[in-house]
Amino acid sequence: MQLRTTKTKQVTTSTSSPYFIKKGGKANIKKEASVLLNEVVPDLLEYDLKVLFVGINPGLTSAAKGHHYANHTNHFWPCLSESGLVDRKVTFEDDIQLPSLYRLGFTNLTARTTRRASDLSRSEQEMGIPILNHKIATYRPRVACFVGKGIYEIYSGQKCKRMGLQETEVNLPWLSGQGETVMYVMPSTSGLVSAYQRPARMKFFQELAQIAEQRDQIYQ
């Protein structure tokens, strides 16, 4: 059975973007954005996932659409579609189906929607760490993939020396006592981050698919 750890009101608009200038101009955008800041994009979880993707927090576009990584400039879905973790093209509208179809789940370190990730304080993000750890230990994903180096550094409390699979010392044991989750760090897929272009990001997704399969074989 598919589990959603929180509930949210689905918001749909003809433009799908809170930045689209409609009648009413900037005043209307400001009012719409203030409403979206109260929306929560729900976790999408199942037990024994291959990968649990961990984001920073929902942005306005994701809040407007009610889906993860919903901004059209985000490279997440094109990269996932060609990663080997799925066998067809997927978009943000498919996220609700992925836990049951492909054993891929979604959560955020911080549930609160903001205009920018920088609107979150360090302390607010750190408050989400024990909650995230409980989700990981309970749902037993083979890999917890942090989408962004910065978010992993907040989670781990130390500098990320290298991207990709992290040292075994940071593996998180499951509450069942029958395994552990490994940590993987990939570059942010946001279109605002220019340090990595789509081909470079794709390599991380493909490596993640291989590691997830290897870890899954251990617990078959």
N, C-alpha and C. Protein backbone atom coordinates (compact mmCIF):
# COMPACT_ATOMS: atom_id res chain seq x y z
N MET A 1 0.84 -1.20 0.00
CA MET A 1 0.00 0.00 0.00
C MET A 1 0.87 1.24 0.00
N GLN A 2 0.52 2.20 -0.83
CA GLN A 2 1.28 3.44 -0.92
C GLN A 2 0.98 4.32 0.28
N LEU A 3 2.04 4.86 0.88
CA LEU A 3 1.89 5.68 2.06
C LEU A 3 2.28 7.10 1.76
N ARG A 4 1.48 8.03 2.23
CA ARG A 4 1.82 9.44 2.16
C ARG A 4 1.83 9.93 3.59
N THR A 5 2.97 10.37 4.08
CA THR A 5 3.09 10.67 5.49
C THR A 5 2.40 11.96 5.89
N THR A 6 2.11 12.82 4.92
CA THR A 6 1.37 14.03 5.20
C THR A 6 0.36 14.23 4.11
N LYS A 7 -0.63 15.06 4.36
CA LYS A 7 -1.65 15.33 3.36
C LYS A 7 -1.54 16.78 2.92
N THR A 8 -1.95 17.02 1.69
CA THR A 8 -1.90 18.38 1.18
C THR A 8 -3.05 18.62 0.23
N LYS A 9 -3.49 19.83 0.16
CA LYS A 9 -4.49 20.24 -0.81
C LYS A 9 -3.81 20.41 -2.15
N GLN A 10 -4.32 19.73 -3.18
CA GLN A 10 -3.73 19.85 -4.51
C GLN A 10 -4.12 21.19 -5.12
N VAL A 11 -3.14 21.93 -5.58
CA VAL A 11 -3.38 23.24 -6.16
C VAL A 11 -3.10 23.16 -7.65
N THR A 12 -4.06 23.48 -8.47
CA THR A 12 -3.86 23.49 -9.92
C THR A 12 -4.26 24.83 -10.48
N THR A 13 -3.46 25.31 -11.42
CA THR A 13 -3.77 26.57 -12.09
C THR A 13 -3.54 26.36 -13.57
N SER A 14 -4.09 27.24 -14.37
CA SER A 14 -3.94 27.10 -15.82
C SER A 14 -2.51 27.36 -16.27
N THR A 15 -1.73 28.08 -15.46
CA THR A 15 -0.36 28.41 -15.83
C THR A 15 0.64 27.51 -15.14
N SER A 16 0.26 26.92 -14.03
CA SER A 16 1.07 26.01 -13.23
C SER A 16 2.27 26.67 -12.58
N SER A 17 2.57 27.89 -12.83
CA SER A 17 3.69 28.57 -12.21
C SER A 17 3.24 29.79 -11.44
N PRO A 18 3.65 29.92 -10.16
CA PRO A 18 3.26 31.08 -9.37
C PRO A 18 3.92 32.36 -9.84
N TYR A 19 4.89 32.25 -10.78
CA TYR A 19 5.57 33.45 -11.25
C TYR A 19 4.94 34.00 -12.52
N PHE A 20 3.97 33.32 -13.06
CA PHE A 20 3.31 33.79 -14.27
C PHE A 20 2.48 35.03 -13.95
N ILE A 21 2.65 36.10 -14.71
CA ILE A 21 1.97 37.35 -14.44
C ILE A 21 0.56 37.32 -15.02
N LYS A 22 -0.41 37.22 -14.15
CA LYS A 22 -1.80 37.21 -14.56
C LYS A 22 -2.41 38.58 -14.28
N LYS A 23 -3.68 38.71 -14.58
CA LYS A 23 -4.37 39.97 -14.33
C LYS A 23 -4.25 40.30 -12.85
N GLY A 24 -3.83 41.50 -12.58
CA GLY A 24 -3.61 41.88 -11.20
C GLY A 24 -2.14 42.15 -10.95
N GLY A 25 -1.27 41.69 -11.88
CA GLY A 25 0.14 42.00 -11.84
C GLY A 25 0.84 41.52 -10.59
N LYS A 26 1.81 42.29 -10.11
CA LYS A 26 2.65 41.90 -8.98
C LYS A 26 1.85 41.70 -7.70
N ALA A 27 0.81 42.50 -7.52
CA ALA A 27 -0.01 42.36 -6.31
C ALA A 27 -0.65 40.98 -6.26
N ASN A 28 -1.10 40.50 -7.42
CA ASN A 28 -1.74 39.19 -7.48
C ASN A 28 -0.73 38.07 -7.22
N ILE A 29 0.49 38.23 -7.77
CA ILE A 29 1.54 37.25 -7.56
C ILE A 29 1.89 37.17 -6.08
N LYS A 30 2.00 38.31 -5.43
CA LYS A 30 2.35 38.34 -4.01
C LYS A 30 1.29 37.63 -3.19
N LYS A 31 0.02 37.86 -3.52
CA LYS A 31 -1.07 37.22 -2.78
C LYS A 31 -1.05 35.72 -3.01
N GLU A 32 -0.84 35.29 -4.27
CA GLU A 32 -0.81 33.87 -4.58
C GLU A 32 0.35 33.19 -3.89
N ALA A 33 1.52 33.83 -3.89
CA ALA A 33 2.69 33.25 -3.25
C ALA A 33 2.48 33.08 -1.76
N SER A 34 1.83 34.04 -1.11
CA SER A 34 1.59 33.94 0.33
C SER A 34 0.70 32.76 0.66
N VAL A 35 -0.22 32.43 -0.23
CA VAL A 35 -1.08 31.25 -0.04
C VAL A 35 -0.26 29.98 -0.19
N LEU A 36 0.60 29.93 -1.20
CA LEU A 36 1.38 28.74 -1.46
C LEU A 36 2.36 28.44 -0.35
N LEU A 37 2.80 29.47 0.37
CA LEU A 37 3.74 29.25 1.46
C LEU A 37 3.13 28.43 2.57
N ASN A 38 1.81 28.31 2.60
CA ASN A 38 1.14 27.49 3.60
C ASN A 38 0.90 26.06 3.13
N GLU A 39 1.27 25.78 1.88
CA GLU A 39 1.07 24.45 1.34
C GLU A 39 2.25 23.53 1.67
N VAL A 40 1.99 22.25 1.76
CA VAL A 40 3.02 21.26 2.04
C VAL A 40 3.01 20.21 0.92
N VAL A 41 4.17 19.93 0.37
CA VAL A 41 4.27 18.86 -0.61
C VAL A 41 4.51 17.57 0.17
N PRO A 42 3.62 16.59 0.06
CA PRO A 42 3.70 15.42 0.93
C PRO A 42 4.86 14.48 0.63
N ASP A 43 5.32 13.81 1.67
CA ASP A 43 6.26 12.72 1.49
C ASP A 43 5.60 11.61 0.68
N LEU A 44 6.39 10.92 -0.10
CA LEU A 44 5.91 9.75 -0.84
C LEU A 44 6.81 8.58 -0.44
N LEU A 45 6.28 7.68 0.39
CA LEU A 45 7.09 6.65 1.01
C LEU A 45 6.46 5.27 0.91
N GLU A 46 7.31 4.27 0.86
CA GLU A 46 6.93 2.86 0.99
C GLU A 46 8.05 2.19 1.77
N TYR A 47 7.77 1.04 2.34
CA TYR A 47 8.82 0.27 2.98
C TYR A 47 9.74 -0.36 1.93
N ASP A 48 11.02 -0.47 2.28
CA ASP A 48 12.01 -1.15 1.44
C ASP A 48 12.17 -0.51 0.06
N LEU A 49 12.23 0.80 0.04
CA LEU A 49 12.50 1.51 -1.21
C LEU A 49 13.93 1.23 -1.68
N LYS A 50 14.13 1.30 -2.98
CA LYS A 50 15.50 1.25 -3.50
C LYS A 50 16.22 2.56 -3.17
N VAL A 51 15.54 3.66 -3.44
CA VAL A 51 16.13 4.98 -3.20
C VAL A 51 15.10 5.90 -2.56
N LEU A 52 15.52 6.61 -1.53
CA LEU A 52 14.73 7.70 -0.97
C LEU A 52 15.45 8.99 -1.32
N PHE A 53 14.84 9.81 -2.18
CA PHE A 53 15.42 11.10 -2.56
C PHE A 53 15.10 12.13 -1.48
N VAL A 54 16.13 12.82 -1.01
CA VAL A 54 15.99 13.82 0.05
C VAL A 54 16.30 15.20 -0.51
N GLY A 55 15.31 16.07 -0.52
CA GLY A 55 15.50 17.44 -0.98
C GLY A 55 15.63 18.40 0.19
N ILE A 56 15.84 19.66 -0.12
CA ILE A 56 15.97 20.68 0.92
C ILE A 56 14.60 21.00 1.50
N ASN A 57 13.72 21.56 0.66
CA ASN A 57 12.35 21.89 1.05
C ASN A 57 11.58 22.23 -0.22
N PRO A 58 10.26 22.28 -0.16
CA PRO A 58 9.49 22.61 -1.37
C PRO A 58 9.61 24.09 -1.73
N GLY A 59 9.69 24.36 -3.02
CA GLY A 59 9.64 25.73 -3.51
C GLY A 59 8.22 26.08 -3.91
N LEU A 60 8.02 27.30 -4.36
CA LEU A 60 6.67 27.76 -4.70
C LEU A 60 6.06 26.96 -5.86
N THR A 61 6.86 26.62 -6.85
CA THR A 61 6.30 25.89 -7.99
C THR A 61 5.85 24.50 -7.57
N SER A 62 6.67 23.82 -6.78
CA SER A 62 6.28 22.49 -6.29
C SER A 62 5.04 22.58 -5.41
N ALA A 63 4.94 23.63 -4.60
CA ALA A 63 3.76 23.81 -3.77
C ALA A 63 2.52 24.05 -4.63
N ALA A 64 2.68 24.81 -5.70
CA ALA A 64 1.56 25.11 -6.58
C ALA A 64 1.04 23.85 -7.27
N LYS A 65 1.96 22.98 -7.66
CA LYS A 65 1.59 21.79 -8.41
C LYS A 65 1.36 20.57 -7.51
N GLY A 66 1.84 20.65 -6.27
CA GLY A 66 1.66 19.55 -5.35
C GLY A 66 2.54 18.35 -5.65
N HIS A 67 3.69 18.59 -6.30
CA HIS A 67 4.59 17.50 -6.68
C HIS A 67 6.04 17.91 -6.40
N HIS A 68 6.91 16.92 -6.30
CA HIS A 68 8.32 17.16 -6.03
C HIS A 68 9.07 17.55 -7.31
N TYR A 69 10.03 18.46 -7.17
CA TYR A 69 10.89 18.90 -8.28
C TYR A 69 10.06 19.33 -9.49
N ALA A 70 9.06 20.15 -9.25
CA ALA A 70 8.08 20.46 -10.30
C ALA A 70 8.45 21.65 -11.18
N ASN A 71 9.50 22.39 -10.85
CA ASN A 71 9.88 23.52 -11.70
C ASN A 71 10.42 23.01 -13.03
N HIS A 72 9.97 23.60 -14.12
CA HIS A 72 10.35 23.11 -15.45
C HIS A 72 11.84 23.27 -15.73
N THR A 73 12.54 24.11 -14.96
CA THR A 73 13.98 24.28 -15.16
C THR A 73 14.81 23.25 -14.40
N ASN A 74 14.15 22.46 -13.55
CA ASN A 74 14.87 21.47 -12.75
C ASN A 74 15.21 20.25 -13.62
N HIS A 75 16.43 19.76 -13.49
CA HIS A 75 16.90 18.64 -14.30
C HIS A 75 16.57 17.28 -13.69
N PHE A 76 15.88 17.26 -12.55
CA PHE A 76 15.66 16.00 -11.85
C PHE A 76 14.97 14.95 -12.72
N TRP A 77 13.83 15.31 -13.31
CA TRP A 77 13.03 14.32 -14.02
C TRP A 77 13.67 13.86 -15.32
N PRO A 78 14.26 14.72 -16.13
CA PRO A 78 14.97 14.23 -17.32
C PRO A 78 16.10 13.27 -16.96
N CYS A 79 16.83 13.58 -15.90
CA CYS A 79 17.93 12.71 -15.48
C CYS A 79 17.41 11.38 -14.95
N LEU A 80 16.37 11.42 -14.14
CA LEU A 80 15.80 10.19 -13.61
C LEU A 80 15.29 9.29 -14.73
N SER A 81 14.70 9.90 -15.76
CA SER A 81 14.13 9.13 -16.86
C SER A 81 15.18 8.30 -17.59
N GLU A 82 16.43 8.75 -17.58
CA GLU A 82 17.49 8.07 -18.31
C GLU A 82 18.51 7.41 -17.39
N SER A 83 18.15 7.26 -16.13
CA SER A 83 19.11 6.78 -15.13
C SER A 83 19.22 5.28 -15.05
N GLY A 84 18.16 4.57 -15.46
CA GLY A 84 18.10 3.14 -15.24
C GLY A 84 17.28 2.77 -14.02
N LEU A 85 16.89 3.75 -13.25
CA LEU A 85 16.02 3.51 -12.09
C LEU A 85 14.57 3.32 -12.51
N VAL A 86 14.22 3.82 -13.69
CA VAL A 86 12.87 3.66 -14.26
C VAL A 86 13.04 3.18 -15.69
N ASP A 87 11.96 2.67 -16.27
CA ASP A 87 12.06 2.14 -17.64
C ASP A 87 11.26 2.94 -18.66
N ARG A 88 10.92 4.17 -18.29
CA ARG A 88 10.19 5.04 -19.21
C ARG A 88 10.41 6.49 -18.79
N LYS A 89 9.98 7.40 -19.64
CA LYS A 89 10.06 8.81 -19.30
C LYS A 89 9.08 9.13 -18.18
N VAL A 90 9.55 9.83 -17.17
CA VAL A 90 8.69 10.23 -16.06
C VAL A 90 8.80 11.73 -15.85
N THR A 91 7.74 12.32 -15.31
CA THR A 91 7.71 13.74 -14.99
C THR A 91 7.25 13.91 -13.55
N PHE A 92 7.19 15.16 -13.10
CA PHE A 92 6.76 15.42 -11.73
C PHE A 92 5.37 14.87 -11.45
N GLU A 93 4.53 14.76 -12.46
CA GLU A 93 3.17 14.26 -12.27
C GLU A 93 3.15 12.77 -11.94
N ASP A 94 4.27 12.09 -12.17
CA ASP A 94 4.36 10.66 -11.89
C ASP A 94 4.86 10.36 -10.48
N ASP A 95 5.27 11.38 -9.73
CA ASP A 95 5.96 11.11 -8.47
C ASP A 95 5.14 10.25 -7.51
N ILE A 96 3.83 10.41 -7.49
CA ILE A 96 2.99 9.66 -6.56
C ILE A 96 2.99 8.16 -6.86
N GLN A 97 3.28 7.79 -8.11
CA GLN A 97 3.27 6.38 -8.50
C GLN A 97 4.61 5.69 -8.29
N LEU A 98 5.68 6.46 -8.14
CA LEU A 98 7.01 5.88 -8.15
C LEU A 98 7.35 4.98 -6.96
N PRO A 99 6.82 5.26 -5.74
CA PRO A 99 7.11 4.32 -4.65
C PRO A 99 6.62 2.91 -4.93
N SER A 100 5.43 2.77 -5.47
CA SER A 100 4.87 1.45 -5.72
C SER A 100 5.38 0.83 -7.02
N LEU A 101 5.62 1.65 -8.05
CA LEU A 101 6.04 1.11 -9.35
C LEU A 101 7.53 0.82 -9.43
N TYR A 102 8.34 1.72 -8.85
CA TYR A 102 9.79 1.60 -9.00
C TYR A 102 10.55 1.62 -7.68
N ARG A 103 9.82 1.67 -6.57
CA ARG A 103 10.43 1.71 -5.24
C ARG A 103 11.36 2.93 -5.09
N LEU A 104 10.87 4.07 -5.54
CA LEU A 104 11.56 5.35 -5.39
C LEU A 104 10.67 6.27 -4.58
N GLY A 105 11.22 6.83 -3.50
CA GLY A 105 10.44 7.69 -2.62
C GLY A 105 11.00 9.09 -2.53
N PHE A 106 10.21 9.98 -1.92
CA PHE A 106 10.57 11.39 -1.86
C PHE A 106 10.26 11.98 -0.49
N THR A 107 11.19 12.78 0.01
CA THR A 107 10.96 13.53 1.23
C THR A 107 11.86 14.77 1.18
N ASN A 108 11.72 15.63 2.17
CA ASN A 108 12.56 16.83 2.30
C ASN A 108 13.07 16.94 3.71
N LEU A 109 14.23 17.54 3.86
CA LEU A 109 14.76 17.76 5.21
C LEU A 109 13.86 18.72 5.97
N THR A 110 13.31 19.71 5.27
CA THR A 110 12.39 20.67 5.87
C THR A 110 11.10 20.67 5.08
N ALA A 111 9.98 20.55 5.76
CA ALA A 111 8.68 20.45 5.07
C ALA A 111 8.14 21.81 4.64
N ARG A 112 8.60 22.89 5.29
CA ARG A 112 8.01 24.20 5.04
C ARG A 112 8.38 24.73 3.66
N THR A 113 7.38 25.23 2.95
CA THR A 113 7.58 25.85 1.64
C THR A 113 8.16 27.25 1.79
N THR A 114 9.14 27.59 0.96
CA THR A 114 9.70 28.94 0.93
C THR A 114 9.92 29.37 -0.51
N ARG A 115 10.09 30.66 -0.71
CA ARG A 115 10.40 31.17 -2.05
C ARG A 115 11.77 30.68 -2.50
N ARG A 116 12.72 30.70 -1.56
CA ARG A 116 14.09 30.28 -1.83
C ARG A 116 14.58 29.41 -0.68
N ALA A 117 15.47 28.48 -0.98
CA ALA A 117 16.04 27.64 0.07
C ALA A 117 16.78 28.49 1.10
N SER A 118 17.34 29.61 0.66
CA SER A 118 18.08 30.50 1.57
C SER A 118 17.17 31.17 2.59
N ASP A 119 15.85 31.05 2.40
CA ASP A 119 14.92 31.61 3.39
C ASP A 119 14.83 30.74 4.64
N LEU A 120 15.42 29.56 4.59
CA LEU A 120 15.43 28.67 5.75
C LEU A 120 16.67 28.95 6.60
N SER A 121 16.50 29.01 7.90
CA SER A 121 17.65 29.17 8.78
C SER A 121 18.34 27.83 8.97
N ARG A 122 19.58 27.88 9.35
CA ARG A 122 20.34 26.65 9.61
C ARG A 122 19.67 25.84 10.72
N SER A 123 19.24 26.52 11.77
CA SER A 123 18.63 25.81 12.89
C SER A 123 17.33 25.13 12.49
N GLU A 124 16.54 25.78 11.62
CA GLU A 124 15.29 25.17 11.17
C GLU A 124 15.57 23.89 10.39
N GLN A 125 16.59 23.92 9.55
CA GLN A 125 16.92 22.74 8.78
C GLN A 125 17.45 21.62 9.68
N GLU A 126 18.22 21.99 10.68
CA GLU A 126 18.77 20.98 11.59
C GLU A 126 17.67 20.31 12.41
N MET A 127 16.57 21.02 12.63
CA MET A 127 15.45 20.43 13.36
C MET A 127 14.84 19.25 12.60
N GLY A 128 15.04 19.22 11.28
CA GLY A 128 14.49 18.12 10.49
C GLY A 128 15.34 16.87 10.50
N ILE A 129 16.54 16.91 11.04
CA ILE A 129 17.45 15.76 10.99
C ILE A 129 16.90 14.55 11.74
N PRO A 130 16.48 14.68 13.01
CA PRO A 130 15.95 13.48 13.69
C PRO A 130 14.69 12.93 13.03
N ILE A 131 13.88 13.80 12.43
CA ILE A 131 12.68 13.34 11.73
C ILE A 131 13.08 12.52 10.51
N LEU A 132 14.05 13.03 9.76
CA LEU A 132 14.53 12.31 8.58
C LEU A 132 15.16 10.97 8.98
N ASN A 133 15.96 10.98 10.03
CA ASN A 133 16.59 9.73 10.49
C ASN A 133 15.54 8.69 10.86
N HIS A 134 14.46 9.13 11.48
CA HIS A 134 13.40 8.20 11.86
C HIS A 134 12.72 7.61 10.61
N LYS A 135 12.50 8.44 9.61
CA LYS A 135 11.91 7.95 8.37
C LYS A 135 12.81 6.89 7.73
N ILE A 136 14.10 7.19 7.67
CA ILE A 136 15.04 6.27 7.04
C ILE A 136 15.10 4.95 7.82
N ALA A 137 15.23 5.05 9.13
CA ALA A 137 15.35 3.85 9.96
C ALA A 137 14.08 3.01 9.93
N THR A 138 12.93 3.68 9.75
CA THR A 138 11.64 2.98 9.75
C THR A 138 11.33 2.36 8.40
N TYR A 139 11.51 3.12 7.32
CA TYR A 139 11.11 2.66 5.99
C TYR A 139 12.18 1.84 5.26
N ARG A 140 13.39 1.84 5.75
CA ARG A 140 14.46 0.96 5.26
C ARG A 140 14.82 1.14 3.77
N PRO A 141 14.99 2.36 3.28
CA PRO A 141 15.46 2.50 1.90
C PRO A 141 16.88 1.96 1.78
N ARG A 142 17.20 1.37 0.63
CA ARG A 142 18.56 0.85 0.44
C ARG A 142 19.56 2.00 0.37
N VAL A 143 19.13 3.12 -0.27
CA VAL A 143 20.00 4.29 -0.41
C VAL A 143 19.19 5.55 -0.08
N ALA A 144 19.77 6.43 0.71
CA ALA A 144 19.21 7.77 0.90
C ALA A 144 20.04 8.71 0.05
N CYS A 145 19.41 9.29 -0.97
CA CYS A 145 20.13 10.15 -1.91
C CYS A 145 19.83 11.61 -1.61
N PHE A 146 20.84 12.35 -1.21
CA PHE A 146 20.69 13.77 -0.92
C PHE A 146 20.92 14.56 -2.20
N VAL A 147 19.89 15.28 -2.63
CA VAL A 147 19.95 16.01 -3.89
C VAL A 147 20.53 17.40 -3.61
N GLY A 148 21.84 17.45 -3.52
CA GLY A 148 22.55 18.69 -3.24
C GLY A 148 23.60 18.48 -2.16
N LYS A 149 24.79 18.95 -2.42
CA LYS A 149 25.89 18.82 -1.47
C LYS A 149 25.62 19.60 -0.19
N GLY A 150 25.03 20.79 -0.33
CA GLY A 150 24.79 21.64 0.83
C GLY A 150 23.85 21.01 1.84
N ILE A 151 22.80 20.36 1.36
CA ILE A 151 21.84 19.75 2.27
C ILE A 151 22.47 18.58 3.02
N TYR A 152 23.36 17.84 2.34
CA TYR A 152 24.02 16.74 3.05
C TYR A 152 24.96 17.27 4.12
N GLU A 153 25.62 18.37 3.85
CA GLU A 153 26.54 18.94 4.85
C GLU A 153 25.78 19.42 6.08
N ILE A 154 24.58 19.93 5.88
CA ILE A 154 23.76 20.30 7.03
C ILE A 154 23.34 19.05 7.79
N TYR A 155 22.93 18.02 7.06
CA TYR A 155 22.48 16.77 7.67
C TYR A 155 23.62 16.10 8.46
N SER A 156 24.80 16.02 7.84
CA SER A 156 25.92 15.30 8.46
C SER A 156 26.69 16.14 9.47
N GLY A 157 26.57 17.46 9.36
CA GLY A 157 27.29 18.34 10.27
C GLY A 157 28.77 18.46 9.93
N GLN A 158 29.14 18.08 8.72
CA GLN A 158 30.53 18.19 8.32
C GLN A 158 30.64 18.40 6.81
N LYS A 159 31.82 18.79 6.36
CA LYS A 159 32.05 19.00 4.94
C LYS A 159 31.95 17.69 4.17
N CYS A 160 31.35 17.77 3.01
CA CYS A 160 31.27 16.61 2.13
C CYS A 160 32.55 16.58 1.30
N LYS A 161 33.43 15.63 1.58
CA LYS A 161 34.73 15.60 0.93
C LYS A 161 34.63 15.17 -0.53
N ARG A 162 33.64 14.36 -0.82
CA ARG A 162 33.47 13.92 -2.20
C ARG A 162 32.00 13.59 -2.45
N MET A 163 31.57 13.79 -3.67
CA MET A 163 30.20 13.46 -4.04
C MET A 163 30.10 11.96 -4.26
N GLY A 164 28.87 11.47 -4.39
CA GLY A 164 28.66 10.06 -4.62
C GLY A 164 28.42 9.30 -3.33
N LEU A 165 28.79 8.01 -3.32
CA LEU A 165 28.58 7.15 -2.16
C LEU A 165 29.47 7.60 -1.02
N GLN A 166 28.89 7.73 0.17
CA GLN A 166 29.64 8.20 1.33
C GLN A 166 30.24 7.02 2.10
N GLU A 167 31.12 7.35 3.04
CA GLU A 167 31.80 6.32 3.83
C GLU A 167 30.81 5.49 4.63
N THR A 168 31.17 4.25 4.89
CA THR A 168 30.28 3.33 5.60
C THR A 168 29.99 3.79 7.03
N GLU A 169 30.85 4.66 7.57
CA GLU A 169 30.66 5.14 8.94
C GLU A 169 29.36 5.92 9.11
N VAL A 170 28.83 6.47 8.02
CA VAL A 170 27.61 7.28 8.13
C VAL A 170 26.36 6.48 7.76
N ASN A 171 26.50 5.19 7.47
CA ASN A 171 25.33 4.36 7.20
C ASN A 171 24.37 4.41 8.39
N LEU A 172 23.07 4.38 8.12
CA LEU A 172 22.08 4.47 9.20
C LEU A 172 21.40 3.11 9.40
N PRO A 173 21.56 2.50 10.58
CA PRO A 173 20.92 1.20 10.86
C PRO A 173 19.40 1.32 10.88
N TRP A 174 18.73 0.24 10.47
CA TRP A 174 17.28 0.20 10.48
C TRP A 174 16.77 -0.19 11.87
N LEU A 175 15.58 0.26 12.19
CA LEU A 175 14.97 -0.08 13.48
C LEU A 175 14.72 -1.58 13.60
N SER A 176 14.56 -2.24 12.46
CA SER A 176 14.34 -3.69 12.46
C SER A 176 15.59 -4.46 12.88
N GLY A 177 16.75 -3.79 12.80
CA GLY A 177 18.01 -4.44 13.14
C GLY A 177 18.51 -5.38 12.07
N GLN A 178 17.90 -5.33 10.88
CA GLN A 178 18.23 -6.29 9.83
C GLN A 178 18.92 -5.66 8.63
N GLY A 179 19.45 -4.46 8.78
CA GLY A 179 20.14 -3.84 7.67
C GLY A 179 20.44 -2.38 7.95
N GLU A 180 20.91 -1.69 6.92
CA GLU A 180 21.25 -0.28 7.07
C GLU A 180 21.13 0.42 5.73
N THR A 181 20.95 1.72 5.79
CA THR A 181 20.85 2.56 4.59
C THR A 181 22.17 3.26 4.34
N VAL A 182 22.63 3.24 3.09
CA VAL A 182 23.84 3.97 2.74
C VAL A 182 23.45 5.36 2.24
N MET A 183 24.39 6.29 2.36
CA MET A 183 24.15 7.67 1.98
C MET A 183 24.84 7.99 0.66
N TYR A 184 24.11 8.66 -0.22
CA TYR A 184 24.65 9.05 -1.52
C TYR A 184 24.38 10.54 -1.72
N VAL A 185 25.36 11.25 -2.24
CA VAL A 185 25.24 12.69 -2.46
C VAL A 185 25.43 12.99 -3.93
N MET A 186 24.45 13.68 -4.51
CA MET A 186 24.57 14.12 -5.90
C MET A 186 24.42 15.64 -5.97
N PRO A 187 24.84 16.25 -7.05
CA PRO A 187 24.68 17.71 -7.17
C PRO A 187 23.20 18.09 -7.19
N SER A 188 22.92 19.29 -6.76
CA SER A 188 21.56 19.82 -6.87
C SER A 188 21.13 19.79 -8.33
N THR A 189 19.86 19.46 -8.55
CA THR A 189 19.33 19.43 -9.93
C THR A 189 18.65 20.73 -10.31
N SER A 190 18.68 21.71 -9.43
CA SER A 190 18.05 22.99 -9.70
C SER A 190 18.68 23.67 -10.90
N GLY A 191 17.84 24.30 -11.70
CA GLY A 191 18.34 25.04 -12.85
C GLY A 191 19.14 26.27 -12.45
N LEU A 192 19.03 26.68 -11.20
CA LEU A 192 19.77 27.83 -10.71
C LEU A 192 21.23 27.49 -10.40
N VAL A 193 21.51 26.20 -10.29
CA VAL A 193 22.87 25.75 -9.99
C VAL A 193 23.57 25.41 -11.29
N SER A 194 24.56 26.20 -11.66
CA SER A 194 25.22 26.05 -12.98
C SER A 194 26.53 25.29 -12.93
N ALA A 195 26.98 24.92 -11.74
CA ALA A 195 28.27 24.23 -11.63
C ALA A 195 28.25 22.88 -12.34
N TYR A 196 27.08 22.23 -12.37
CA TYR A 196 26.94 20.95 -13.05
C TYR A 196 25.87 21.08 -14.13
N GLN A 197 26.23 20.69 -15.35
CA GLN A 197 25.26 20.66 -16.43
C GLN A 197 24.59 19.29 -16.46
N ARG A 198 23.55 19.17 -17.27
CA ARG A 198 22.76 17.95 -17.28
C ARG A 198 23.56 16.68 -17.53
N PRO A 199 24.50 16.63 -18.49
CA PRO A 199 25.27 15.39 -18.70
C PRO A 199 26.05 14.98 -17.45
N ALA A 200 26.62 15.95 -16.74
CA ALA A 200 27.37 15.63 -15.52
C ALA A 200 26.44 15.11 -14.44
N ARG A 201 25.27 15.69 -14.33
CA ARG A 201 24.30 15.23 -13.35
C ARG A 201 23.82 13.81 -13.69
N MET A 202 23.69 13.55 -14.98
CA MET A 202 23.22 12.25 -15.42
C MET A 202 24.13 11.13 -14.91
N LYS A 203 25.43 11.36 -14.89
CA LYS A 203 26.37 10.34 -14.44
C LYS A 203 26.11 9.95 -12.99
N PHE A 204 25.73 10.91 -12.18
CA PHE A 204 25.43 10.61 -10.77
C PHE A 204 24.16 9.76 -10.68
N PHE A 205 23.15 10.08 -11.47
CA PHE A 205 21.92 9.29 -11.46
C PHE A 205 22.19 7.85 -11.90
N GLN A 206 23.02 7.68 -12.90
CA GLN A 206 23.32 6.34 -13.40
C GLN A 206 24.13 5.55 -12.39
N GLU A 207 25.07 6.20 -11.73
CA GLU A 207 25.83 5.52 -10.68
C GLU A 207 24.91 5.15 -9.52
N LEU A 208 23.99 6.05 -9.17
CA LEU A 208 23.03 5.77 -8.11
C LEU A 208 22.21 4.53 -8.42
N ALA A 209 21.78 4.38 -9.68
CA ALA A 209 20.99 3.22 -10.07
C ALA A 209 21.78 1.93 -9.85
N GLN A 210 23.06 1.94 -10.17
CA GLN A 210 23.89 0.76 -9.99
C GLN A 210 24.06 0.41 -8.52
N ILE A 211 24.31 1.43 -7.70
CA ILE A 211 24.50 1.20 -6.27
C ILE A 211 23.21 0.71 -5.63
N ALA A 212 22.08 1.30 -6.02
CA ALA A 212 20.79 0.89 -5.46
C ALA A 212 20.50 -0.58 -5.76
N GLU A 213 20.83 -1.00 -6.98
CA GLU A 213 20.61 -2.39 -7.36
C GLU A 213 21.52 -3.32 -6.56
N GLN A 214 22.76 -2.92 -6.38
CA GLN A 214 23.70 -3.73 -5.60
C GLN A 214 23.25 -3.86 -4.15
N ARG A 215 22.82 -2.77 -3.57
CA ARG A 215 22.37 -2.81 -2.18
C ARG A 215 21.09 -3.63 -2.04
N ASP A 216 20.24 -3.56 -3.04
CA ASP A 216 18.99 -4.30 -2.98
C ASP A 216 19.23 -5.80 -3.03
N GLN A 217 20.25 -6.22 -3.77
CA GLN A 217 20.57 -7.64 -3.86
C GLN A 217 20.99 -8.21 -2.52
N ILE A 218 21.58 -7.38 -1.68
CA ILE A 218 22.02 -7.83 -0.37
C ILE A 218 20.86 -8.27 0.49
N TYR A 219 19.72 -7.60 0.33
CA TYR A 219 18.57 -7.86 1.22
C TYR A 219 17.46 -8.65 0.54
N GLN A 220 17.76 -9.31 -0.56
CA GLN A 220 16.76 -10.15 -1.22
C GLN A 220 16.54 -11.44 -0.41
